[in-house]
Amino acid sequence: MTMTYQDFDKYMMGLPSVWLDYPFGEGVAVYKFGQPEGKIVAVVEKTTQPLRVSLKCDPLLAKNLRAKYETVLPGHNLNKKHWNTIICSGQLSDDEVLDLARLSYEIVSNS
């Protein structure tokens, strides 16, 4: 089974102080931490199949994930050092994607 937008949304909205914004239009969901402006935790291209999720990551881990998985790419339209875009095709399990989402949340909420 591969990650759906609904699965990802449910997980992200369950994290403390996370809220949803659409600064790039209805097709791109941006999950932010904190108010009033918020810091970006995740960017999801809702209409792509398979789902594409961009997450903040430790630079060394980001580089290692890209080397290991062909479906982990430098962050699309984001800082390539600190962000990965994951194509949720099943190469990474749903749990692994959610673990990386949790890591992104922890990086952003602790900064």
PDB file of N, CA and C in Angstrom:
ATOM      1  N   MET A   1       0.851  -1.196   0.000  1.00  0.00           N
ATOM      2  CA  MET A   1       0.000   0.000   0.000  1.00  0.00           C
ATOM      3  C   MET A   1       0.885   1.244   0.000  1.00  0.00           C
ATOM      4  N   THR A   2       0.502   2.231  -0.783  1.00  0.00           N
ATOM      5  CA  THR A   2       1.277   3.468  -0.818  1.00  0.00           C
ATOM      6  C   THR A   2       0.502   4.595  -0.150  1.00  0.00           C
ATOM      7  N   MET A   3       1.246   5.534   0.338  1.00  0.00           N
ATOM      8  CA  MET A   3       0.704   6.662   1.091  1.00  0.00           C
ATOM      9  C   MET A   3      -0.320   7.440   0.265  1.00  0.00           C
ATOM     10  N   THR A   4      -1.451   7.741   0.883  1.00  0.00           N
ATOM     11  CA  THR A   4      -2.445   8.619   0.259  1.00  0.00           C
ATOM     12  C   THR A   4      -2.371   9.990   0.911  1.00  0.00           C
ATOM     13  N   TYR A   5      -2.913  10.973   0.226  1.00  0.00           N
ATOM     14  CA  TYR A   5      -2.948  12.312   0.808  1.00  0.00           C
ATOM     15  C   TYR A   5      -3.738  12.306   2.117  1.00  0.00           C
ATOM     16  N   GLN A   6      -4.827  11.566   2.151  1.00  0.00           N
ATOM     17  CA  GLN A   6      -5.665  11.518   3.358  1.00  0.00           C
ATOM     18  C   GLN A   6      -4.892  10.942   4.540  1.00  0.00           C
ATOM     19  N   ASP A   7      -4.098   9.892   4.305  1.00  0.00           N
ATOM     20  CA  ASP A   7      -3.273   9.303   5.367  1.00  0.00           C
ATOM     21  C   ASP A   7      -2.264  10.321   5.893  1.00  0.00           C
ATOM     22  N   PHE A   8      -1.598  10.994   4.960  1.00  0.00           N
ATOM     23  CA  PHE A   8      -0.569  11.962   5.352  1.00  0.00           C
ATOM     24  C   PHE A   8      -1.197  13.135   6.095  1.00  0.00           C
ATOM     25  N   ASP A   9      -2.312  13.627   5.585  1.00  0.00           N
ATOM     26  CA  ASP A   9      -3.003  14.757   6.207  1.00  0.00           C
ATOM     27  C   ASP A   9      -3.429  14.417   7.640  1.00  0.00           C
ATOM     28  N   LYS A  10      -3.989  13.254   7.830  1.00  0.00           N
ATOM     29  CA  LYS A  10      -4.437  12.837   9.165  1.00  0.00           C
ATOM     30  C   LYS A  10      -3.261  12.815  10.140  1.00  0.00           C
ATOM     31  N   TYR A  11      -2.127  12.285   9.693  1.00  0.00           N
ATOM     32  CA  TYR A  11      -0.947  12.225  10.547  1.00  0.00           C
ATOM     33  C   TYR A  11      -0.451  13.635  10.901  1.00  0.00           C
ATOM     34  N   MET A  12      -0.289  14.471   9.880  1.00  0.00           N
ATOM     35  CA  MET A  12       0.256  15.820  10.105  1.00  0.00           C
ATOM     36  C   MET A  12      -0.642  16.668  10.992  1.00  0.00           C
ATOM     37  N   MET A  13      -1.952  16.589  10.764  1.00  0.00           N
ATOM     38  CA  MET A  13      -2.879  17.412  11.548  1.00  0.00           C
ATOM     39  C   MET A  13      -2.993  16.926  12.996  1.00  0.00           C
ATOM     40  N   GLY A  14      -2.470  15.735  13.277  1.00  0.00           N
ATOM     41  CA  GLY A  14      -2.441  15.226  14.641  1.00  0.00           C
ATOM     42  C   GLY A  14      -1.246  15.702  15.448  1.00  0.00           C
ATOM     43  N   LEU A  15      -0.300  16.380  14.787  1.00  0.00           N
ATOM     44  CA  LEU A  15       0.875  16.893  15.492  1.00  0.00           C
ATOM     45  C   LEU A  15       0.551  18.238  16.148  1.00  0.00           C
ATOM     46  N   PRO A  16       1.074  18.479  17.349  1.00  0.00           N
ATOM     47  CA  PRO A  16       0.777  19.728  18.065  1.00  0.00           C
ATOM     48  C   PRO A  16       1.179  20.984  17.276  1.00  0.00           C
ATOM     49  N   SER A  17       0.289  21.961  17.262  1.00  0.00           N
ATOM     50  CA  SER A  17       0.521  23.294  16.668  1.00  0.00           C
ATOM     51  C   SER A  17       0.744  23.286  15.165  1.00  0.00           C
ATOM     52  N   VAL A  18       0.327  22.215  14.474  1.00  0.00           N
ATOM     53  CA  VAL A  18       0.441  22.169  13.012  1.00  0.00           C
ATOM     54  C   VAL A  18      -0.874  22.633  12.398  1.00  0.00           C
ATOM     55  N   TRP A  19      -0.765  23.450  11.366  1.00  0.00           N
ATOM     56  CA  TRP A  19      -1.947  23.935  10.643  1.00  0.00           C
ATOM     57  C   TRP A  19      -1.671  23.904   9.153  1.00  0.00           C
ATOM     58  N   LEU A  20      -2.728  23.938   8.374  1.00  0.00           N
ATOM     59  CA  LEU A  20      -2.664  23.762   6.933  1.00  0.00           C
ATOM     60  C   LEU A  20      -2.870  25.089   6.224  1.00  0.00           C
ATOM     61  N   ASP A  21      -2.051  25.331   5.203  1.00  0.00           N
ATOM     62  CA  ASP A  21      -2.125  26.564   4.432  1.00  0.00           C
ATOM     63  C   ASP A  21      -2.024  26.197   2.947  1.00  0.00           C
ATOM     64  N   TYR A  22      -2.518  27.087   2.090  1.00  0.00           N
ATOM     65  CA  TYR A  22      -2.457  26.882   0.634  1.00  0.00           C
ATOM     66  C   TYR A  22      -1.897  28.128  -0.055  1.00  0.00           C
ATOM     67  N   PRO A  23      -0.647  28.523   0.257  1.00  0.00           N
ATOM     68  CA  PRO A  23      -0.101  29.746  -0.346  1.00  0.00           C
ATOM     69  C   PRO A  23       0.192  29.620  -1.843  1.00  0.00           C
ATOM     70  N   PHE A  24       0.254  28.384  -2.364  1.00  0.00           N
ATOM     71  CA  PHE A  24       0.577  28.155  -3.772  1.00  0.00           C
ATOM     72  C   PHE A  24      -0.626  27.643  -4.562  1.00  0.00           C
ATOM     73  N   GLY A  25      -1.819  27.750  -3.984  1.00  0.00           N
ATOM     74  CA  GLY A  25      -3.022  27.267  -4.645  1.00  0.00           C
ATOM     75  C   GLY A  25      -3.518  25.974  -4.027  1.00  0.00           C
ATOM     76  N   GLU A  26      -4.724  25.571  -4.408  1.00  0.00           N
ATOM     77  CA  GLU A  26      -5.394  24.422  -3.797  1.00  0.00           C
ATOM     78  C   GLU A  26      -4.688  23.082  -4.021  1.00  0.00           C
ATOM     79  N   GLY A  27      -3.857  22.973  -5.032  1.00  0.00           N
ATOM     80  CA  GLY A  27      -3.196  21.701  -5.326  1.00  0.00           C
ATOM     81  C   GLY A  27      -1.974  21.402  -4.481  1.00  0.00           C
ATOM     82  N   VAL A  28      -1.509  22.405  -3.727  1.00  0.00           N
ATOM     83  CA  VAL A  28      -0.294  22.227  -2.921  1.00  0.00           C
ATOM     84  C   VAL A  28      -0.610  22.547  -1.464  1.00  0.00           C
ATOM     85  N   ALA A  29      -0.626  21.488  -0.642  1.00  0.00           N
ATOM     86  CA  ALA A  29      -0.897  21.646   0.791  1.00  0.00           C
ATOM     87  C   ALA A  29       0.413  21.924   1.513  1.00  0.00           C
ATOM     88  N   VAL A  30       0.436  22.992   2.326  1.00  0.00           N
ATOM     89  CA  VAL A  30       1.625  23.363   3.089  1.00  0.00           C
ATOM     90  C   VAL A  30       1.285  23.255   4.571  1.00  0.00           C
ATOM     91  N   TYR A  31       1.987  22.362   5.255  1.00  0.00           N
ATOM     92  CA  TYR A  31       1.782  22.166   6.688  1.00  0.00           C
ATOM     93  C   TYR A  31       2.803  23.013   7.429  1.00  0.00           C
ATOM     94  N   LYS A  32       2.291  23.835   8.344  1.00  0.00           N
ATOM     95  CA  LYS A  32       3.144  24.768   9.068  1.00  0.00           C
ATOM     96  C   LYS A  32       3.049  24.530  10.567  1.00  0.00           C
ATOM     97  N   PHE A  33       4.123  24.903  11.260  1.00  0.00           N
ATOM     98  CA  PHE A  33       4.167  24.814  12.711  1.00  0.00           C
ATOM     99  C   PHE A  33       4.194  26.220  13.289  1.00  0.00           C
ATOM    100  N   GLY A  34       3.344  26.466  14.288  1.00  0.00           N
ATOM    101  CA  GLY A  34       3.370  27.723  15.016  1.00  0.00           C
ATOM    102  C   GLY A  34       2.612  28.836  14.334  1.00  0.00           C
ATOM    103  N   GLN A  35       2.333  29.858  15.110  1.00  0.00           N
ATOM    104  CA  GLN A  35       1.590  31.034  14.641  1.00  0.00           C
ATOM    105  C   GLN A  35       2.416  32.283  14.906  1.00  0.00           C
ATOM    106  N   PRO A  36       2.212  33.407  14.260  1.00  0.00           N
ATOM    107  CA  PRO A  36       1.160  33.625  13.282  1.00  0.00           C
ATOM    108  C   PRO A  36       1.546  33.174  11.869  1.00  0.00           C
ATOM    109  N   GLU A  37       2.806  33.374  11.453  1.00  0.00           N
ATOM    110  CA  GLU A  37       3.169  33.009  10.076  1.00  0.00           C
ATOM    111  C   GLU A  37       3.394  31.510   9.929  1.00  0.00           C
ATOM    112  N   GLY A  38       4.041  30.921  10.907  1.00  0.00           N
ATOM    113  CA  GLY A  38       4.333  29.498  10.872  1.00  0.00           C
ATOM    114  C   GLY A  38       5.569  29.175  10.053  1.00  0.00           C
ATOM    115  N   LYS A  39       6.235  28.092  10.439  1.00  0.00           N
ATOM    116  CA  LYS A  39       7.392  27.579   9.708  1.00  0.00           C
ATOM    117  C   LYS A  39       6.951  26.326   8.964  1.00  0.00           C
ATOM    118  N   ILE A  40       7.398  26.181   7.738  1.00  0.00           N
ATOM    119  CA  ILE A  40       6.975  25.052   6.902  1.00  0.00           C
ATOM    120  C   ILE A  40       7.583  23.747   7.411  1.00  0.00           C
ATOM    121  N   VAL A  41       6.720  22.749   7.614  1.00  0.00           N
ATOM    122  CA  VAL A  41       7.128  21.408   8.018  1.00  0.00           C
ATOM    123  C   VAL A  41       7.074  20.461   6.826  1.00  0.00           C
ATOM    124  N   ALA A  42       6.040  20.592   6.001  1.00  0.00           N
ATOM    125  CA  ALA A  42       5.856  19.682   4.863  1.00  0.00           C
ATOM    126  C   ALA A  42       5.107  20.396   3.740  1.00  0.00           C
ATOM    127  N   VAL A  43       5.439  20.010   2.519  1.00  0.00           N
ATOM    128  CA  VAL A  43       4.740  20.504   1.327  1.00  0.00           C
ATOM    129  C   VAL A  43       4.296  19.272   0.545  1.00  0.00           C
ATOM    130  N   VAL A  44       3.002  19.215   0.212  1.00  0.00           N
ATOM    131  CA  VAL A  44       2.462  18.041  -0.467  1.00  0.00           C
ATOM    132  C   VAL A  44       1.777  18.459  -1.758  1.00  0.00           C
ATOM    133  N   GLU A  45       2.199  17.837  -2.852  1.00  0.00           N
ATOM    134  CA  GLU A  45       1.536  18.031  -4.138  1.00  0.00           C
ATOM    135  C   GLU A  45       0.369  17.046  -4.164  1.00  0.00           C
ATOM    136  N   LYS A  46      -0.819  17.542  -3.828  1.00  0.00           N
ATOM    137  CA  LYS A  46      -1.988  16.689  -3.605  1.00  0.00           C
ATOM    138  C   LYS A  46      -2.461  15.944  -4.849  1.00  0.00           C
ATOM    139  N   THR A  47      -2.248  16.498  -6.008  1.00  0.00           N
ATOM    140  CA  THR A  47      -2.845  15.934  -7.216  1.00  0.00           C
ATOM    141  C   THR A  47      -1.938  14.960  -7.955  1.00  0.00           C
ATOM    142  N   THR A  48      -0.700  14.787  -7.508  1.00  0.00           N
ATOM    143  CA  THR A  48       0.212  13.880  -8.211  1.00  0.00           C
ATOM    144  C   THR A  48      -0.058  12.434  -7.816  1.00  0.00           C
ATOM    145  N   GLN A  49       0.160  11.541  -8.766  1.00  0.00           N
ATOM    146  CA  GLN A  49       0.077  10.100  -8.511  1.00  0.00           C
ATOM    147  C   GLN A  49       1.375   9.480  -8.987  1.00  0.00           C
ATOM    148  N   PRO A  50       2.163   8.875  -8.122  1.00  0.00           N
ATOM    149  CA  PRO A  50       1.965   8.800  -6.683  1.00  0.00           C
ATOM    150  C   PRO A  50       2.183  10.156  -6.002  1.00  0.00           C
ATOM    151  N   LEU A  51       1.745  10.210  -4.759  1.00  0.00           N
ATOM    152  CA  LEU A  51       1.858  11.415  -3.944  1.00  0.00           C
ATOM    153  C   LEU A  51       3.319  11.835  -3.810  1.00  0.00           C
ATOM    154  N   ARG A  52       3.558  13.154  -3.827  1.00  0.00           N
ATOM    155  CA  ARG A  52       4.904  13.702  -3.595  1.00  0.00           C
ATOM    156  C   ARG A  52       4.866  14.554  -2.335  1.00  0.00           C
ATOM    157  N   VAL A  53       5.775  14.233  -1.415  1.00  0.00           N
ATOM    158  CA  VAL A  53       5.827  14.903  -0.115  1.00  0.00           C
ATOM    159  C   VAL A  53       7.223  15.472   0.068  1.00  0.00           C
ATOM    160  N   SER A  54       7.319  16.773   0.354  1.00  0.00           N
ATOM    161  CA  SER A  54       8.606  17.402   0.631  1.00  0.00           C
ATOM    162  C   SER A  54       8.716  17.646   2.127  1.00  0.00           C
ATOM    163  N   LEU A  55       9.864  17.221   2.697  1.00  0.00           N
ATOM    164  CA  LEU A  55      10.073  17.291   4.136  1.00  0.00           C
ATOM    165  C   LEU A  55      11.458  17.832   4.457  1.00  0.00           C
ATOM    166  N   LYS A  56      11.531  18.600   5.529  1.00  0.00           N
ATOM    167  CA  LYS A  56      12.820  19.098   6.006  1.00  0.00           C
ATOM    168  C   LYS A  56      13.583  17.918   6.590  1.00  0.00           C
ATOM    169  N   CYS A  57      14.909  17.949   6.459  1.00  0.00           N
ATOM    170  CA  CYS A  57      15.707  16.806   6.879  1.00  0.00           C
ATOM    171  C   CYS A  57      17.096  17.284   7.303  1.00  0.00           C
ATOM    172  N   ASP A  58      17.723  16.531   8.177  1.00  0.00           N
ATOM    173  CA  ASP A  58      19.126  16.770   8.506  1.00  0.00           C
ATOM    174  C   ASP A  58      19.935  16.631   7.212  1.00  0.00           C
ATOM    175  N   PRO A  59      20.855  17.556   6.928  1.00  0.00           N
ATOM    176  CA  PRO A  59      21.565  17.517   5.642  1.00  0.00           C
ATOM    177  C   PRO A  59      22.285  16.201   5.350  1.00  0.00           C
ATOM    178  N   LEU A  60      22.939  15.602   6.332  1.00  0.00           N
ATOM    179  CA  LEU A  60      23.655  14.352   6.091  1.00  0.00           C
ATOM    180  C   LEU A  60      22.681  13.216   5.824  1.00  0.00           C
ATOM    181  N   LEU A  61      21.601  13.132   6.610  1.00  0.00           N
ATOM    182  CA  LEU A  61      20.581  12.112   6.381  1.00  0.00           C
ATOM    183  C   LEU A  61      19.924  12.313   5.018  1.00  0.00           C
ATOM    184  N   ALA A  62      19.648  13.563   4.658  1.00  0.00           N
ATOM    185  CA  ALA A  62      19.024  13.857   3.358  1.00  0.00           C
ATOM    186  C   ALA A  62      19.889  13.313   2.221  1.00  0.00           C
ATOM    187  N   LYS A  63      21.183  13.547   2.311  1.00  0.00           N
ATOM    188  CA  LYS A  63      22.110  13.085   1.286  1.00  0.00           C
ATOM    189  C   LYS A  63      22.150  11.554   1.232  1.00  0.00           C
ATOM    190  N   ASN A  64      22.177  10.911   2.398  1.00  0.00           N
ATOM    191  CA  ASN A  64      22.220   9.450   2.451  1.00  0.00           C
ATOM    192  C   ASN A  64      20.938   8.825   1.894  1.00  0.00           C
ATOM    193  N   LEU A  65      19.791   9.421   2.216  1.00  0.00           N
ATOM    194  CA  LEU A  65      18.520   8.906   1.695  1.00  0.00           C
ATOM    195  C   LEU A  65      18.466   9.007   0.176  1.00  0.00           C
ATOM    196  N   ARG A  66      18.960  10.111  -0.373  1.00  0.00           N
ATOM    197  CA  ARG A  66      18.976  10.286  -1.830  1.00  0.00           C
ATOM    198  C   ARG A  66      19.868   9.253  -2.503  1.00  0.00           C
ATOM    199  N   ALA A  67      20.989   8.925  -1.840  1.00  0.00           N
ATOM    200  CA  ALA A  67      21.916   7.932  -2.402  1.00  0.00           C
ATOM    201  C   ALA A  67      21.306   6.531  -2.362  1.00  0.00           C
ATOM    202  N   LYS A  68      20.515   6.249  -1.337  1.00  0.00           N
ATOM    203  CA  LYS A  68      19.964   4.908  -1.137  1.00  0.00           C
ATOM    204  C   LYS A  68      18.685   4.647  -1.929  1.00  0.00           C
ATOM    205  N   TYR A  69      17.840   5.682  -2.086  1.00  0.00           N
ATOM    206  CA  TYR A  69      16.524   5.497  -2.705  1.00  0.00           C
ATOM    207  C   TYR A  69      16.356   6.390  -3.929  1.00  0.00           C
ATOM    208  N   GLU A  70      15.948   5.800  -5.047  1.00  0.00           N
ATOM    209  CA  GLU A  70      15.731   6.600  -6.257  1.00  0.00           C
ATOM    210  C   GLU A  70      14.487   7.482  -6.153  1.00  0.00           C
ATOM    211  N   THR A  71      13.599   7.187  -5.201  1.00  0.00           N
ATOM    212  CA  THR A  71      12.375   7.981  -5.029  1.00  0.00           C
ATOM    213  C   THR A  71      12.531   9.095  -3.992  1.00  0.00           C
ATOM    214  N   VAL A  72      13.752   9.297  -3.507  1.00  0.00           N
ATOM    215  CA  VAL A  72      14.034  10.430  -2.615  1.00  0.00           C
ATOM    216  C   VAL A  72      14.924  11.391  -3.405  1.00  0.00           C
ATOM    217  N   LEU A  73      14.381  12.584  -3.643  1.00  0.00           N
ATOM    218  CA  LEU A  73      15.029  13.576  -4.507  1.00  0.00           C
ATOM    219  C   LEU A  73      15.317  14.849  -3.713  1.00  0.00           C
ATOM    220  N   PRO A  74      16.250  15.684  -4.215  1.00  0.00           N
ATOM    221  CA  PRO A  74      16.429  16.989  -3.575  1.00  0.00           C
ATOM    222  C   PRO A  74      15.102  17.751  -3.565  1.00  0.00           C
ATOM    223  N   GLY A  75      14.857  18.517  -2.527  1.00  0.00           N
ATOM    224  CA  GLY A  75      13.592  19.231  -2.356  1.00  0.00           C
ATOM    225  C   GLY A  75      13.188  20.039  -3.574  1.00  0.00           C
ATOM    226  N   HIS A  76      11.996  19.762  -4.095  1.00  0.00           N
ATOM    227  CA  HIS A  76      11.461  20.463  -5.262  1.00  0.00           C
ATOM    228  C   HIS A  76      11.102  21.904  -4.873  1.00  0.00           C
ATOM    229  N   ASN A  77      11.756  22.875  -5.512  1.00  0.00           N
ATOM    230  CA  ASN A  77      11.548  24.306  -5.241  1.00  0.00           C
ATOM    231  C   ASN A  77      11.869  24.692  -3.792  1.00  0.00           C
ATOM    232  N   LEU A  78      12.764  23.941  -3.152  1.00  0.00           N
ATOM    233  CA  LEU A  78      13.149  24.195  -1.763  1.00  0.00           C
ATOM    234  C   LEU A  78      14.673  24.124  -1.650  1.00  0.00           C
ATOM    235  N   ASN A  79      15.213  24.473  -0.482  1.00  0.00           N
ATOM    236  CA  ASN A  79      16.642  24.382  -0.236  1.00  0.00           C
ATOM    237  C   ASN A  79      17.078  22.924  -0.371  1.00  0.00           C
ATOM    238  N   LYS A  80      17.886  22.624  -1.377  1.00  0.00           N
ATOM    239  CA  LYS A  80      18.263  21.244  -1.692  1.00  0.00           C
ATOM    240  C   LYS A  80      19.087  20.590  -0.590  1.00  0.00           C
ATOM    241  N   LYS A  81      19.760  21.375   0.228  1.00  0.00           N
ATOM    242  CA  LYS A  81      20.581  20.829   1.312  1.00  0.00           C
ATOM    243  C   LYS A  81      19.709  20.318   2.462  1.00  0.00           C
ATOM    244  N   HIS A  82      18.617  21.010   2.750  1.00  0.00           N
ATOM    245  CA  HIS A  82      17.813  20.729   3.938  1.00  0.00           C
ATOM    246  C   HIS A  82      16.457  20.075   3.652  1.00  0.00           C
ATOM    247  N   TRP A  83      16.097  19.877   2.396  1.00  0.00           N
ATOM    248  CA  TRP A  83      14.776  19.347   2.056  1.00  0.00           C
ATOM    249  C   TRP A  83      14.893  18.199   1.063  1.00  0.00           C
ATOM    250  N   ASN A  84      14.066  17.188   1.266  1.00  0.00           N
ATOM    251  CA  ASN A  84      13.915  16.080   0.324  1.00  0.00           C
ATOM    252  C   ASN A  84      12.473  16.043  -0.162  1.00  0.00           C
ATOM    253  N   THR A  85      12.293  15.655  -1.408  1.00  0.00           N
ATOM    254  CA  THR A  85      10.973  15.348  -1.935  1.00  0.00           C
ATOM    255  C   THR A  85      10.914  13.836  -2.110  1.00  0.00           C
ATOM    256  N   ILE A  86       9.904  13.229  -1.481  1.00  0.00           N
ATOM    257  CA  ILE A  86       9.743  11.782  -1.521  1.00  0.00           C
ATOM    258  C   ILE A  86       8.577  11.444  -2.446  1.00  0.00           C
ATOM    259  N   ILE A  87       8.843  10.592  -3.425  1.00  0.00           N
ATOM    260  CA  ILE A  87       7.785  10.074  -4.283  1.00  0.00           C
ATOM    261  C   ILE A  87       7.250   8.832  -3.579  1.00  0.00           C
ATOM    262  N   CYS A  88       6.011   8.893  -3.136  1.00  0.00           N
ATOM    263  CA  CYS A  88       5.424   7.813  -2.311  1.00  0.00           C
ATOM    264  C   CYS A  88       4.924   6.677  -3.186  1.00  0.00           C
ATOM    265  N   SER A  89       5.868   5.957  -3.777  1.00  0.00           N
ATOM    266  CA  SER A  89       5.550   4.861  -4.695  1.00  0.00           C
ATOM    267  C   SER A  89       5.641   3.501  -4.024  1.00  0.00           C
ATOM    268  N   GLY A  90       6.054   3.472  -2.758  1.00  0.00           N
ATOM    269  CA  GLY A  90       6.187   2.222  -2.046  1.00  0.00           C
ATOM    270  C   GLY A  90       7.623   1.819  -1.784  1.00  0.00           C
ATOM    271  N   GLN A  91       8.591   2.510  -2.389  1.00  0.00           N
ATOM    272  CA  GLN A  91       9.989   2.176  -2.124  1.00  0.00           C
ATOM    273  C   GLN A  91      10.296   2.404  -0.643  1.00  0.00           C
ATOM    274  N   LEU A  92       9.818   3.507  -0.088  1.00  0.00           N
ATOM    275  CA  LEU A  92       9.819   3.718   1.352  1.00  0.00           C
ATOM    276  C   LEU A  92       8.426   3.339   1.843  1.00  0.00           C
ATOM    277  N   SER A  93       8.365   2.644   2.962  1.00  0.00           N
ATOM    278  CA  SER A  93       7.068   2.259   3.509  1.00  0.00           C
ATOM    279  C   SER A  93       6.343   3.504   4.025  1.00  0.00           C
ATOM    280  N   ASP A  94       5.036   3.376   4.206  1.00  0.00           N
ATOM    281  CA  ASP A  94       4.265   4.487   4.777  1.00  0.00           C
ATOM    282  C   ASP A  94       4.833   4.887   6.129  1.00  0.00           C
ATOM    283  N   ASP A  95       5.213   3.901   6.949  1.00  0.00           N
ATOM    284  CA  ASP A  95       5.781   4.206   8.273  1.00  0.00           C
ATOM    285  C   ASP A  95       7.081   4.989   8.152  1.00  0.00           C
ATOM    286  N   GLU A  96       7.912   4.643   7.167  1.00  0.00           N
ATOM    287  CA  GLU A  96       9.165   5.373   6.969  1.00  0.00           C
ATOM    288  C   GLU A  96       8.888   6.816   6.549  1.00  0.00           C
ATOM    289  N   VAL A  97       7.912   7.013   5.673  1.00  0.00           N
ATOM    290  CA  VAL A  97       7.549   8.374   5.253  1.00  0.00           C
ATOM    291  C   VAL A  97       7.043   9.167   6.456  1.00  0.00           C
ATOM    292  N   LEU A  98       6.202   8.556   7.284  1.00  0.00           N
ATOM    293  CA  LEU A  98       5.687   9.253   8.467  1.00  0.00           C
ATOM    294  C   LEU A  98       6.784   9.508   9.491  1.00  0.00           C
ATOM    295  N   ASP A  99       7.750   8.613   9.604  1.00  0.00           N
ATOM    296  CA  ASP A  99       8.905   8.863  10.483  1.00  0.00           C
ATOM    297  C   ASP A  99       9.681  10.083  10.009  1.00  0.00           C
ATOM    298  N   LEU A 100       9.848  10.210   8.694  1.00  0.00           N
ATOM    299  CA  LEU A 100      10.551  11.375   8.143  1.00  0.00           C
ATOM    300  C   LEU A 100       9.721  12.645   8.327  1.00  0.00           C
ATOM    301  N   ALA A 101       8.399  12.523   8.270  1.00  0.00           N
ATOM    302  CA  ALA A 101       7.523  13.669   8.547  1.00  0.00           C
ATOM    303  C   ALA A 101       7.675  14.097  10.002  1.00  0.00           C
ATOM    304  N   ARG A 102       7.766  13.139  10.905  1.00  0.00           N
ATOM    305  CA  ARG A 102       7.963  13.439  12.331  1.00  0.00           C
ATOM    306  C   ARG A 102       9.309  14.124  12.543  1.00  0.00           C
ATOM    307  N   LEU A 103      10.347  13.651  11.864  1.00  0.00           N
ATOM    308  CA  LEU A 103      11.667  14.276  11.958  1.00  0.00           C
ATOM    309  C   LEU A 103      11.606  15.720  11.462  1.00  0.00           C
ATOM    310  N   SER A 104      10.935  15.956  10.350  1.00  0.00           N
ATOM    311  CA  SER A 104      10.778  17.306   9.817  1.00  0.00           C
ATOM    312  C   SER A 104      10.096  18.199  10.850  1.00  0.00           C
ATOM    313  N   TYR A 105       9.034  17.682  11.453  1.00  0.00           N
ATOM    314  CA  TYR A 105       8.308  18.418  12.493  1.00  0.00           C
ATOM    315  C   TYR A 105       9.233  18.756  13.659  1.00  0.00           C
ATOM    316  N   GLU A 106      10.029  17.782  14.099  1.00  0.00           N
ATOM    317  CA  GLU A 106      10.937  18.006  15.228  1.00  0.00           C
ATOM    318  C   GLU A 106      12.006  19.042  14.888  1.00  0.00           C
ATOM    319  N   ILE A 107      12.553  18.981  13.684  1.00  0.00           N
ATOM    320  CA  ILE A 107      13.564  19.963  13.256  1.00  0.00           C
ATOM    321  C   ILE A 107      12.966  21.370  13.277  1.00  0.00           C
ATOM    322  N   VAL A 108      11.783  21.511  12.687  1.00  0.00           N
ATOM    323  CA  VAL A 108      11.149  22.830  12.586  1.00  0.00           C
ATOM    324  C   VAL A 108      10.681  23.349  13.940  1.00  0.00           C
ATOM    325  N   SER A 109      10.080  22.493  14.742  1.00  0.00           N
ATOM    326  CA  SER A 109       9.526  22.944  16.025  1.00  0.00           C
ATOM    327  C   SER A 109      10.619  23.256  17.042  1.00  0.00           C
ATOM    328  N   ASN A 110      11.811  22.705  16.859  1.00  0.00           N
ATOM    329  CA  ASN A 110      12.925  22.974  17.776  1.00  0.00           C
ATOM    330  C   ASN A 110      13.845  24.076  17.295  1.00  0.00           C
ATOM    331  N   SER A 111      13.542  24.677  16.146  1.00  0.00           N
ATOM    332  CA  SER A 111      14.447  25.713  15.614  1.00  0.00           C
ATOM    333  C   SER A 111      14.011  27.100  16.021  1.00  0.00           C
TER     334      SER A 111
END
